[in-house]
Amino acid sequence: MQRCLTPIALALALSVLAPPSNAQIWRCEGANGVIEYSNAPGSGRDRNCRVVDLPQITTVPAPKPAPPAAPAPRASAAPPGQSPGSAASSSGFPRVDSSAQRTRDQDRRRILEDELRREESRLAELRTEFNGGEPERRGDERNFARYQERVQRLRDDIARSESAVASLRREMAALRD
């Protein structure tokens, strides 16, 4: 019984000695008009702080969103970060000259061809290992359930690979020549 009372007495003593949680909330306005709420008055000279006279603040409203920025004026030169072969169109989107676009299209075609070649070779390897639905059993597959799991994984991998090959072929067919 003595052991049970000690933690209770300790908790009671700490609750009496704890400082009250009713801290003051300060509303400070900076020189640029930004309002900030804090639990301590501002230390800078450019801050105008006053105590908020509310019994309890449970939420602080979010700041209002800034109005949308005006569209940038059209310029003849390309803005920073834009490729040298492009210029802004009337809608504000960058325009790319035909030689730069042709180079980009050729690069894209080359990348897609490389991916297609890799995916087709992977598919051929999977089909070889699958062996028409009866792959050879490995030494670690003495349990028939493990063998069946590997066969199912191979089926799933083949289906994924076939889907990837089909997607790459569709994407290549959509490319302009």
N, C-alpha and C. Protein backbone atom coordinates (compact mmCIF):
# COMPACT_ATOMS: atom_id res chain seq x y z
N MET A 1 0.83 -1.18 0.00
CA MET A 1 0.00 0.00 0.00
C MET A 1 0.87 1.25 0.00
N GLN A 2 1.99 1.19 0.69
CA GLN A 2 2.92 2.32 0.78
C GLN A 2 3.45 2.67 -0.61
N ARG A 3 3.77 1.64 -1.41
CA ARG A 3 4.34 1.88 -2.74
C ARG A 3 3.33 2.57 -3.66
N CYS A 4 2.06 2.29 -3.54
CA CYS A 4 1.03 2.87 -4.39
C CYS A 4 0.81 4.34 -4.07
N LEU A 5 0.94 4.73 -2.83
CA LEU A 5 0.71 6.11 -2.43
C LEU A 5 1.86 7.02 -2.83
N THR A 6 3.06 6.51 -2.94
CA THR A 6 4.21 7.36 -3.25
C THR A 6 4.08 8.02 -4.62
N PRO A 7 3.76 7.32 -5.68
CA PRO A 7 3.61 7.99 -6.97
C PRO A 7 2.46 8.98 -6.98
N ILE A 8 1.39 8.65 -6.30
CA ILE A 8 0.25 9.57 -6.26
C ILE A 8 0.64 10.85 -5.52
N ALA A 9 1.35 10.72 -4.40
CA ALA A 9 1.78 11.89 -3.64
C ALA A 9 2.76 12.72 -4.46
N LEU A 10 3.64 12.07 -5.21
CA LEU A 10 4.60 12.79 -6.04
C LEU A 10 3.89 13.55 -7.15
N ALA A 11 2.92 12.95 -7.79
CA ALA A 11 2.16 13.62 -8.85
C ALA A 11 1.39 14.80 -8.30
N LEU A 12 0.81 14.65 -7.13
CA LEU A 12 0.06 15.74 -6.51
C LEU A 12 0.98 16.90 -6.15
N ALA A 13 2.16 16.61 -5.64
CA ALA A 13 3.11 17.66 -5.28
C ALA A 13 3.59 18.41 -6.52
N LEU A 14 3.86 17.67 -7.59
CA LEU A 14 4.31 18.33 -8.83
C LEU A 14 3.22 19.18 -9.45
N SER A 15 1.97 18.76 -9.35
CA SER A 15 0.89 19.56 -9.93
C SER A 15 0.69 20.86 -9.17
N VAL A 16 0.95 20.86 -7.86
CA VAL A 16 0.83 22.08 -7.07
C VAL A 16 1.98 23.02 -7.37
N LEU A 17 3.19 22.47 -7.59
CA LEU A 17 4.35 23.30 -7.84
C LEU A 17 4.47 23.78 -9.28
N ALA A 18 3.72 23.20 -10.22
CA ALA A 18 3.81 23.57 -11.64
C ALA A 18 3.28 24.98 -11.85
N PRO A 19 3.92 25.75 -12.73
CA PRO A 19 3.45 27.12 -12.99
C PRO A 19 2.13 27.07 -13.76
N PRO A 20 1.32 28.09 -13.63
CA PRO A 20 0.05 28.10 -14.33
C PRO A 20 0.29 28.16 -15.85
N SER A 21 -0.65 27.59 -16.61
CA SER A 21 -0.48 27.55 -18.06
C SER A 21 -1.16 28.71 -18.74
N ASN A 22 -1.64 29.67 -17.99
CA ASN A 22 -2.30 30.83 -18.58
C ASN A 22 -1.25 31.89 -18.93
N ALA A 23 -0.53 31.67 -19.99
CA ALA A 23 0.48 32.63 -20.42
C ALA A 23 -0.19 33.71 -21.27
N GLN A 24 0.44 34.87 -21.31
CA GLN A 24 -0.10 35.95 -22.13
C GLN A 24 0.29 35.75 -23.58
N ILE A 25 -0.59 36.16 -24.47
CA ILE A 25 -0.33 36.10 -25.90
C ILE A 25 -0.15 37.53 -26.39
N TRP A 26 0.93 37.75 -27.14
CA TRP A 26 1.25 39.08 -27.65
C TRP A 26 0.98 39.11 -29.15
N ARG A 27 0.43 40.24 -29.62
CA ARG A 27 0.22 40.48 -31.04
C ARG A 27 1.21 41.57 -31.44
N CYS A 28 2.18 41.18 -32.28
CA CYS A 28 3.23 42.11 -32.68
C CYS A 28 3.11 42.40 -34.16
N GLU A 29 3.27 43.67 -34.51
CA GLU A 29 3.22 44.08 -35.91
C GLU A 29 4.57 44.67 -36.28
N GLY A 30 5.18 44.10 -37.30
CA GLY A 30 6.48 44.57 -37.74
C GLY A 30 6.36 45.84 -38.58
N ALA A 31 7.49 46.43 -38.94
CA ALA A 31 7.52 47.67 -39.72
C ALA A 31 6.90 47.45 -41.10
N ASN A 32 7.02 46.25 -41.64
CA ASN A 32 6.46 45.96 -42.96
C ASN A 32 5.00 45.53 -42.90
N GLY A 33 4.37 45.56 -41.75
CA GLY A 33 2.95 45.25 -41.61
C GLY A 33 2.64 43.80 -41.33
N VAL A 34 3.64 42.96 -41.17
CA VAL A 34 3.42 41.55 -40.90
C VAL A 34 3.03 41.38 -39.44
N ILE A 35 1.93 40.67 -39.21
CA ILE A 35 1.44 40.45 -37.85
C ILE A 35 1.90 39.07 -37.40
N GLU A 36 2.38 39.02 -36.15
CA GLU A 36 2.89 37.77 -35.60
C GLU A 36 2.37 37.63 -34.18
N TYR A 37 1.92 36.43 -33.83
CA TYR A 37 1.47 36.15 -32.47
C TYR A 37 2.57 35.39 -31.75
N SER A 38 2.80 35.74 -30.49
CA SER A 38 3.89 35.14 -29.76
C SER A 38 3.55 35.08 -28.28
N ASN A 39 4.32 34.28 -27.53
CA ASN A 39 4.11 34.23 -26.09
C ASN A 39 5.07 35.16 -25.35
N ALA A 40 5.86 35.92 -26.08
CA ALA A 40 6.78 36.89 -25.49
C ALA A 40 6.75 38.16 -26.34
N PRO A 41 6.85 39.33 -25.72
CA PRO A 41 6.84 40.56 -26.51
C PRO A 41 8.08 40.63 -27.40
N GLY A 42 7.96 41.35 -28.51
CA GLY A 42 9.06 41.45 -29.47
C GLY A 42 10.26 42.16 -28.89
N SER A 43 11.45 41.73 -29.29
CA SER A 43 12.67 42.32 -28.76
C SER A 43 13.20 43.41 -29.68
N GLY A 44 12.76 43.43 -30.94
CA GLY A 44 13.25 44.42 -31.90
C GLY A 44 12.57 45.75 -31.71
N ARG A 45 13.20 46.87 -32.14
CA ARG A 45 12.62 48.19 -31.97
C ARG A 45 11.52 48.45 -33.00
N ASP A 46 11.50 47.68 -34.08
CA ASP A 46 10.53 47.95 -35.14
C ASP A 46 9.22 47.20 -34.91
N ARG A 47 9.06 46.59 -33.76
CA ARG A 47 7.86 45.80 -33.51
C ARG A 47 6.94 46.55 -32.56
N ASN A 48 5.68 46.59 -32.90
CA ASN A 48 4.66 47.21 -32.09
C ASN A 48 3.86 46.08 -31.46
N CYS A 49 4.08 45.78 -30.18
CA CYS A 49 3.46 44.63 -29.54
C CYS A 49 2.45 45.07 -28.49
N ARG A 50 1.36 44.30 -28.40
CA ARG A 50 0.36 44.53 -27.35
C ARG A 50 -0.21 43.19 -26.93
N VAL A 51 -0.70 43.12 -25.71
CA VAL A 51 -1.26 41.89 -25.16
C VAL A 51 -2.64 41.67 -25.77
N VAL A 52 -2.92 40.44 -26.17
CA VAL A 52 -4.23 40.10 -26.70
C VAL A 52 -5.15 39.85 -25.51
N ASP A 53 -6.27 40.58 -25.46
CA ASP A 53 -7.19 40.49 -24.32
C ASP A 53 -8.28 39.46 -24.60
N LEU A 54 -7.89 38.21 -24.66
CA LEU A 54 -8.85 37.12 -24.83
C LEU A 54 -8.66 36.15 -23.68
N PRO A 55 -9.74 35.57 -23.18
CA PRO A 55 -9.58 34.63 -22.08
C PRO A 55 -8.78 33.39 -22.48
N GLN A 56 -8.99 32.92 -23.72
CA GLN A 56 -8.27 31.75 -24.15
C GLN A 56 -8.30 31.72 -25.68
N ILE A 57 -7.14 31.52 -26.29
CA ILE A 57 -7.07 31.40 -27.75
C ILE A 57 -6.87 29.93 -28.07
N THR A 58 -7.78 29.39 -28.84
CA THR A 58 -7.64 27.99 -29.21
C THR A 58 -7.07 27.83 -30.60
N THR A 59 -7.33 28.80 -31.47
CA THR A 59 -6.79 28.73 -32.83
C THR A 59 -6.33 30.12 -33.26
N VAL A 60 -5.41 30.12 -34.17
CA VAL A 60 -4.95 31.36 -34.77
C VAL A 60 -5.29 31.27 -36.25
N PRO A 61 -6.01 32.26 -36.78
CA PRO A 61 -6.39 32.16 -38.18
C PRO A 61 -5.16 32.21 -39.10
N ALA A 62 -5.27 31.50 -40.20
CA ALA A 62 -4.18 31.49 -41.18
C ALA A 62 -4.13 32.83 -41.88
N PRO A 63 -2.95 33.22 -42.33
CA PRO A 63 -2.86 34.49 -43.04
C PRO A 63 -3.61 34.41 -44.37
N LYS A 64 -4.12 35.54 -44.81
CA LYS A 64 -4.85 35.59 -46.07
C LYS A 64 -3.86 35.37 -47.21
N PRO A 65 -4.29 34.65 -48.25
CA PRO A 65 -3.38 34.42 -49.37
C PRO A 65 -3.11 35.72 -50.12
N ALA A 66 -1.91 35.81 -50.66
CA ALA A 66 -1.53 37.00 -51.41
C ALA A 66 -2.30 37.01 -52.72
N PRO A 67 -2.65 38.20 -53.23
CA PRO A 67 -3.35 38.26 -54.51
C PRO A 67 -2.45 37.71 -55.62
N PRO A 68 -3.06 37.15 -56.67
CA PRO A 68 -2.24 36.58 -57.75
C PRO A 68 -1.38 37.66 -58.39
N ALA A 69 -0.18 37.25 -58.77
CA ALA A 69 0.76 38.18 -59.37
C ALA A 69 0.31 38.50 -60.79
N ALA A 70 0.61 39.71 -61.21
CA ALA A 70 0.29 40.12 -62.56
C ALA A 70 1.17 39.36 -63.54
N PRO A 71 0.66 39.06 -64.75
CA PRO A 71 1.48 38.34 -65.71
C PRO A 71 2.71 39.16 -66.10
N ALA A 72 3.79 38.45 -66.31
CA ALA A 72 5.05 39.11 -66.68
C ALA A 72 4.92 39.69 -68.08
N PRO A 73 5.52 40.85 -68.30
CA PRO A 73 5.47 41.44 -69.64
C PRO A 73 6.24 40.57 -70.63
N ARG A 74 5.78 40.57 -71.87
CA ARG A 74 6.46 39.78 -72.90
C ARG A 74 7.77 40.44 -73.25
N ALA A 75 8.77 39.60 -73.40
CA ALA A 75 10.09 40.11 -73.76
C ALA A 75 10.58 39.36 -74.98
N SER A 76 11.44 39.99 -75.75
CA SER A 76 11.96 39.33 -76.94
C SER A 76 13.05 38.33 -76.59
N ALA A 77 13.78 38.59 -75.50
CA ALA A 77 14.84 37.67 -75.08
C ALA A 77 14.24 36.59 -74.20
N ALA A 78 14.89 35.45 -74.17
CA ALA A 78 14.42 34.34 -73.35
C ALA A 78 14.70 34.64 -71.88
N PRO A 79 13.73 34.41 -70.98
CA PRO A 79 13.95 34.64 -69.55
C PRO A 79 14.98 33.67 -68.99
N PRO A 80 15.54 34.00 -67.82
CA PRO A 80 16.53 33.09 -67.23
C PRO A 80 15.93 31.73 -66.96
N GLY A 81 16.71 30.68 -67.19
CA GLY A 81 16.26 29.32 -66.96
C GLY A 81 15.62 28.70 -68.19
N GLN A 82 15.35 29.51 -69.21
CA GLN A 82 14.75 28.99 -70.43
C GLN A 82 15.86 28.66 -71.41
N SER A 83 15.65 27.63 -72.21
CA SER A 83 16.70 27.22 -73.14
C SER A 83 16.94 28.29 -74.19
N PRO A 84 18.17 28.39 -74.71
CA PRO A 84 18.50 29.45 -75.64
C PRO A 84 17.72 29.36 -76.95
N GLY A 85 17.23 28.20 -77.33
CA GLY A 85 16.51 28.07 -78.58
C GLY A 85 15.03 28.30 -78.44
N SER A 86 14.59 28.93 -77.35
CA SER A 86 13.16 29.12 -77.15
C SER A 86 12.85 30.58 -76.83
N ALA A 87 11.61 30.95 -77.07
CA ALA A 87 11.15 32.30 -76.76
C ALA A 87 9.73 32.20 -76.25
N ALA A 88 9.22 33.23 -75.58
CA ALA A 88 7.88 33.18 -75.02
C ALA A 88 6.85 33.40 -76.11
N SER A 89 5.78 32.61 -76.10
CA SER A 89 4.71 32.78 -77.07
C SER A 89 3.71 33.78 -76.50
N SER A 90 2.66 34.05 -77.24
CA SER A 90 1.66 35.02 -76.80
C SER A 90 0.94 34.57 -75.53
N SER A 91 0.86 33.26 -75.30
CA SER A 91 0.19 32.79 -74.09
C SER A 91 1.14 32.72 -72.90
N GLY A 92 2.40 33.07 -73.10
CA GLY A 92 3.37 33.06 -72.01
C GLY A 92 4.15 31.76 -71.93
N PHE A 93 3.77 30.77 -72.73
CA PHE A 93 4.51 29.50 -72.73
C PHE A 93 5.74 29.66 -73.62
N PRO A 94 6.81 28.97 -73.27
CA PRO A 94 8.00 29.09 -74.11
C PRO A 94 7.79 28.40 -75.46
N ARG A 95 8.32 29.02 -76.49
CA ARG A 95 8.29 28.42 -77.82
C ARG A 95 9.69 27.93 -78.12
N VAL A 96 9.76 26.80 -78.78
CA VAL A 96 11.04 26.19 -79.11
C VAL A 96 11.17 26.19 -80.62
N ASP A 97 12.34 26.61 -81.09
CA ASP A 97 12.50 26.61 -82.55
C ASP A 97 12.57 25.17 -83.06
N SER A 98 12.34 25.00 -84.34
CA SER A 98 12.17 23.66 -84.91
C SER A 98 13.43 22.81 -84.81
N SER A 99 14.62 23.39 -84.95
CA SER A 99 15.84 22.58 -84.86
C SER A 99 16.06 22.06 -83.44
N ALA A 100 15.77 22.89 -82.45
CA ALA A 100 15.91 22.44 -81.06
C ALA A 100 14.89 21.35 -80.76
N GLN A 101 13.65 21.52 -81.27
CA GLN A 101 12.63 20.51 -81.03
C GLN A 101 12.98 19.20 -81.73
N ARG A 102 13.53 19.28 -82.94
CA ARG A 102 13.93 18.09 -83.67
C ARG A 102 14.99 17.32 -82.90
N THR A 103 15.96 18.06 -82.31
CA THR A 103 17.01 17.43 -81.52
C THR A 103 16.41 16.74 -80.29
N ARG A 104 15.47 17.41 -79.64
CA ARG A 104 14.82 16.82 -78.47
C ARG A 104 14.05 15.57 -78.85
N ASP A 105 13.33 15.62 -79.98
CA ASP A 105 12.58 14.45 -80.44
C ASP A 105 13.51 13.29 -80.76
N GLN A 106 14.65 13.57 -81.38
CA GLN A 106 15.61 12.51 -81.69
C GLN A 106 16.16 11.88 -80.41
N ASP A 107 16.46 12.72 -79.42
CA ASP A 107 16.94 12.21 -78.13
C ASP A 107 15.88 11.33 -77.48
N ARG A 108 14.63 11.79 -77.54
CA ARG A 108 13.55 11.01 -76.92
C ARG A 108 13.40 9.67 -77.63
N ARG A 109 13.44 9.69 -78.96
CA ARG A 109 13.32 8.44 -79.71
C ARG A 109 14.45 7.47 -79.34
N ARG A 110 15.68 8.00 -79.24
CA ARG A 110 16.84 7.16 -78.90
C ARG A 110 16.66 6.56 -77.51
N ILE A 111 16.21 7.35 -76.56
CA ILE A 111 16.00 6.87 -75.18
C ILE A 111 14.93 5.79 -75.17
N LEU A 112 13.82 6.02 -75.88
CA LEU A 112 12.75 5.03 -75.92
C LEU A 112 13.21 3.74 -76.60
N GLU A 113 14.01 3.85 -77.66
CA GLU A 113 14.53 2.65 -78.32
C GLU A 113 15.43 1.86 -77.39
N ASP A 114 16.27 2.56 -76.63
CA ASP A 114 17.14 1.88 -75.67
C ASP A 114 16.31 1.16 -74.60
N GLU A 115 15.29 1.84 -74.08
CA GLU A 115 14.44 1.22 -73.07
C GLU A 115 13.71 0.01 -73.64
N LEU A 116 13.22 0.14 -74.87
CA LEU A 116 12.52 -0.97 -75.51
C LEU A 116 13.44 -2.16 -75.70
N ARG A 117 14.66 -1.90 -76.14
CA ARG A 117 15.63 -2.98 -76.33
C ARG A 117 15.90 -3.71 -75.01
N ARG A 118 16.12 -2.94 -73.94
CA ARG A 118 16.39 -3.54 -72.62
C ARG A 118 15.18 -4.35 -72.13
N GLU A 119 13.99 -3.79 -72.31
CA GLU A 119 12.79 -4.48 -71.83
C GLU A 119 12.52 -5.74 -72.64
N GLU A 120 12.77 -5.70 -73.94
CA GLU A 120 12.58 -6.91 -74.75
C GLU A 120 13.58 -8.00 -74.38
N SER A 121 14.82 -7.62 -74.08
CA SER A 121 15.81 -8.63 -73.68
C SER A 121 15.43 -9.21 -72.31
N ARG A 122 14.93 -8.38 -71.41
CA ARG A 122 14.48 -8.87 -70.10
C ARG A 122 13.32 -9.83 -70.28
N LEU A 123 12.39 -9.49 -71.18
CA LEU A 123 11.24 -10.36 -71.43
C LEU A 123 11.70 -11.70 -72.00
N ALA A 124 12.68 -11.68 -72.90
CA ALA A 124 13.20 -12.93 -73.47
C ALA A 124 13.83 -13.79 -72.38
N GLU A 125 14.60 -13.17 -71.46
CA GLU A 125 15.21 -13.92 -70.35
C GLU A 125 14.14 -14.54 -69.46
N LEU A 126 13.09 -13.77 -69.15
CA LEU A 126 12.02 -14.29 -68.30
C LEU A 126 11.31 -15.47 -68.97
N ARG A 127 11.05 -15.34 -70.26
CA ARG A 127 10.37 -16.44 -70.97
C ARG A 127 11.25 -17.69 -71.01
N THR A 128 12.57 -17.49 -71.18
CA THR A 128 13.47 -18.63 -71.19
C THR A 128 13.45 -19.32 -69.83
N GLU A 129 13.51 -18.53 -68.75
CA GLU A 129 13.49 -19.11 -67.41
C GLU A 129 12.14 -19.77 -67.13
N PHE A 130 11.05 -19.18 -67.65
CA PHE A 130 9.71 -19.71 -67.42
C PHE A 130 9.52 -21.07 -68.09
N ASN A 131 10.16 -21.28 -69.21
CA ASN A 131 10.19 -22.58 -69.89
C ASN A 131 8.79 -23.11 -70.16
N GLY A 132 7.93 -22.26 -70.70
CA GLY A 132 6.58 -22.71 -71.05
C GLY A 132 5.74 -23.09 -69.86
N GLY A 133 5.99 -22.55 -68.71
CA GLY A 133 5.19 -22.84 -67.52
C GLY A 133 5.77 -23.91 -66.63
N GLU A 134 6.91 -24.48 -67.02
CA GLU A 134 7.54 -25.52 -66.20
C GLU A 134 9.02 -25.22 -66.03
N PRO A 135 9.34 -24.15 -65.24
CA PRO A 135 10.76 -23.86 -65.03
C PRO A 135 11.43 -24.97 -64.21
N GLU A 136 12.73 -25.07 -64.37
CA GLU A 136 13.46 -26.09 -63.62
C GLU A 136 13.45 -25.73 -62.14
N ARG A 137 13.36 -26.77 -61.32
CA ARG A 137 13.35 -26.54 -59.87
C ARG A 137 14.77 -26.29 -59.40
N ARG A 138 14.88 -25.38 -58.45
CA ARG A 138 16.18 -25.05 -57.86
C ARG A 138 16.38 -25.91 -56.61
N GLY A 139 17.62 -25.91 -56.13
CA GLY A 139 17.94 -26.68 -54.94
C GLY A 139 17.26 -26.18 -53.69
N ASP A 140 16.97 -24.86 -53.62
CA ASP A 140 16.32 -24.30 -52.43
C ASP A 140 14.81 -24.45 -52.49
N GLU A 141 14.28 -25.10 -53.52
CA GLU A 141 12.84 -25.24 -53.67
C GLU A 141 12.39 -26.69 -53.45
N ARG A 142 12.82 -27.26 -52.37
CA ARG A 142 12.40 -28.63 -52.06
C ARG A 142 10.92 -28.68 -51.72
N ASN A 143 10.44 -27.58 -51.16
CA ASN A 143 9.02 -27.45 -50.86
C ASN A 143 8.31 -27.02 -52.15
N PHE A 144 7.29 -27.78 -52.57
CA PHE A 144 6.60 -27.51 -53.82
C PHE A 144 5.90 -26.15 -53.81
N ALA A 145 5.48 -25.68 -52.63
CA ALA A 145 4.82 -24.38 -52.54
C ALA A 145 5.79 -23.26 -52.93
N ARG A 146 7.05 -23.38 -52.56
CA ARG A 146 8.06 -22.38 -52.95
C ARG A 146 8.23 -22.35 -54.46
N TYR A 147 8.25 -23.50 -55.05
CA TYR A 147 8.37 -23.61 -56.51
C TYR A 147 7.17 -22.92 -57.18
N GLN A 148 5.97 -23.19 -56.67
CA GLN A 148 4.78 -22.57 -57.23
C GLN A 148 4.80 -21.05 -57.06
N GLU A 149 5.32 -20.54 -55.94
CA GLU A 149 5.45 -19.10 -55.73
C GLU A 149 6.37 -18.48 -56.78
N ARG A 150 7.49 -19.15 -57.05
CA ARG A 150 8.43 -18.63 -58.05
C ARG A 150 7.81 -18.65 -59.44
N VAL A 151 7.07 -19.70 -59.76
CA VAL A 151 6.39 -19.78 -61.06
C VAL A 151 5.39 -18.63 -61.19
N GLN A 152 4.65 -18.34 -60.12
CA GLN A 152 3.68 -17.24 -60.15
C GLN A 152 4.38 -15.90 -60.29
N ARG A 153 5.50 -15.73 -59.58
CA ARG A 153 6.28 -14.48 -59.71
C ARG A 153 6.76 -14.31 -61.14
N LEU A 154 7.22 -15.40 -61.76
CA LEU A 154 7.66 -15.33 -63.16
C LEU A 154 6.50 -14.93 -64.07
N ARG A 155 5.31 -15.52 -63.85
CA ARG A 155 4.14 -15.14 -64.66
C ARG A 155 3.85 -13.65 -64.52
N ASP A 156 3.87 -13.16 -63.26
CA ASP A 156 3.60 -11.74 -63.02
C ASP A 156 4.66 -10.87 -63.67
N ASP A 157 5.93 -11.25 -63.56
CA ASP A 157 7.01 -10.47 -64.17
C ASP A 157 6.88 -10.45 -65.68
N ILE A 158 6.50 -11.57 -66.27
CA ILE A 158 6.33 -11.62 -67.73
C ILE A 158 5.17 -10.72 -68.15
N ALA A 159 4.08 -10.75 -67.41
CA ALA A 159 2.93 -9.89 -67.74
C ALA A 159 3.31 -8.42 -67.63
N ARG A 160 4.06 -8.04 -66.58
CA ARG A 160 4.50 -6.65 -66.41
C ARG A 160 5.42 -6.24 -67.54
N SER A 161 6.34 -7.11 -67.90
CA SER A 161 7.29 -6.82 -68.94
C SER A 161 6.60 -6.68 -70.30
N GLU A 162 5.63 -7.57 -70.58
CA GLU A 162 4.88 -7.45 -71.83
C GLU A 162 4.11 -6.14 -71.88
N SER A 163 3.55 -5.73 -70.76
CA SER A 163 2.83 -4.47 -70.68
C SER A 163 3.77 -3.28 -70.92
N ALA A 164 4.97 -3.35 -70.36
CA ALA A 164 5.95 -2.27 -70.56
C ALA A 164 6.37 -2.19 -72.02
N VAL A 165 6.59 -3.34 -72.65
CA VAL A 165 6.98 -3.35 -74.07
C VAL A 165 5.86 -2.74 -74.91
N ALA A 166 4.61 -3.12 -74.63
CA ALA A 166 3.48 -2.57 -75.38
C ALA A 166 3.38 -1.05 -75.19
N SER A 167 3.58 -0.58 -73.97
CA SER A 167 3.52 0.86 -73.69
C SER A 167 4.62 1.60 -74.43
N LEU A 168 5.83 1.06 -74.41
CA LEU A 168 6.94 1.70 -75.11
C LEU A 168 6.69 1.74 -76.61
N ARG A 169 6.14 0.68 -77.17
CA ARG A 169 5.83 0.68 -78.61
C ARG A 169 4.75 1.70 -78.94
N ARG A 170 3.72 1.83 -78.10
CA ARG A 170 2.68 2.84 -78.32
C ARG A 170 3.27 4.24 -78.28
N GLU A 171 4.14 4.47 -77.31
CA GLU A 171 4.75 5.79 -77.17
C GLU A 171 5.64 6.11 -78.37
N MET A 172 6.37 5.12 -78.85
CA MET A 172 7.22 5.34 -80.03
C MET A 172 6.38 5.58 -81.27
N ALA A 173 5.22 4.91 -81.38
CA ALA A 173 4.35 5.12 -82.53
C ALA A 173 3.77 6.52 -82.52
N ALA A 174 3.61 7.10 -81.35
CA ALA A 174 3.02 8.45 -81.24
C ALA A 174 4.05 9.55 -81.56
N LEU A 175 5.32 9.20 -81.62
CA LEU A 175 6.35 10.20 -81.92
C LEU A 175 6.22 10.68 -83.35
N ARG A 176 6.54 11.97 -83.53
CA ARG A 176 6.57 12.52 -84.90
C ARG A 176 7.89 12.13 -85.54
N ASP A 177 7.86 11.92 -86.82
CA ASP A 177 9.10 11.60 -87.54
C ASP A 177 9.83 12.82 -87.97
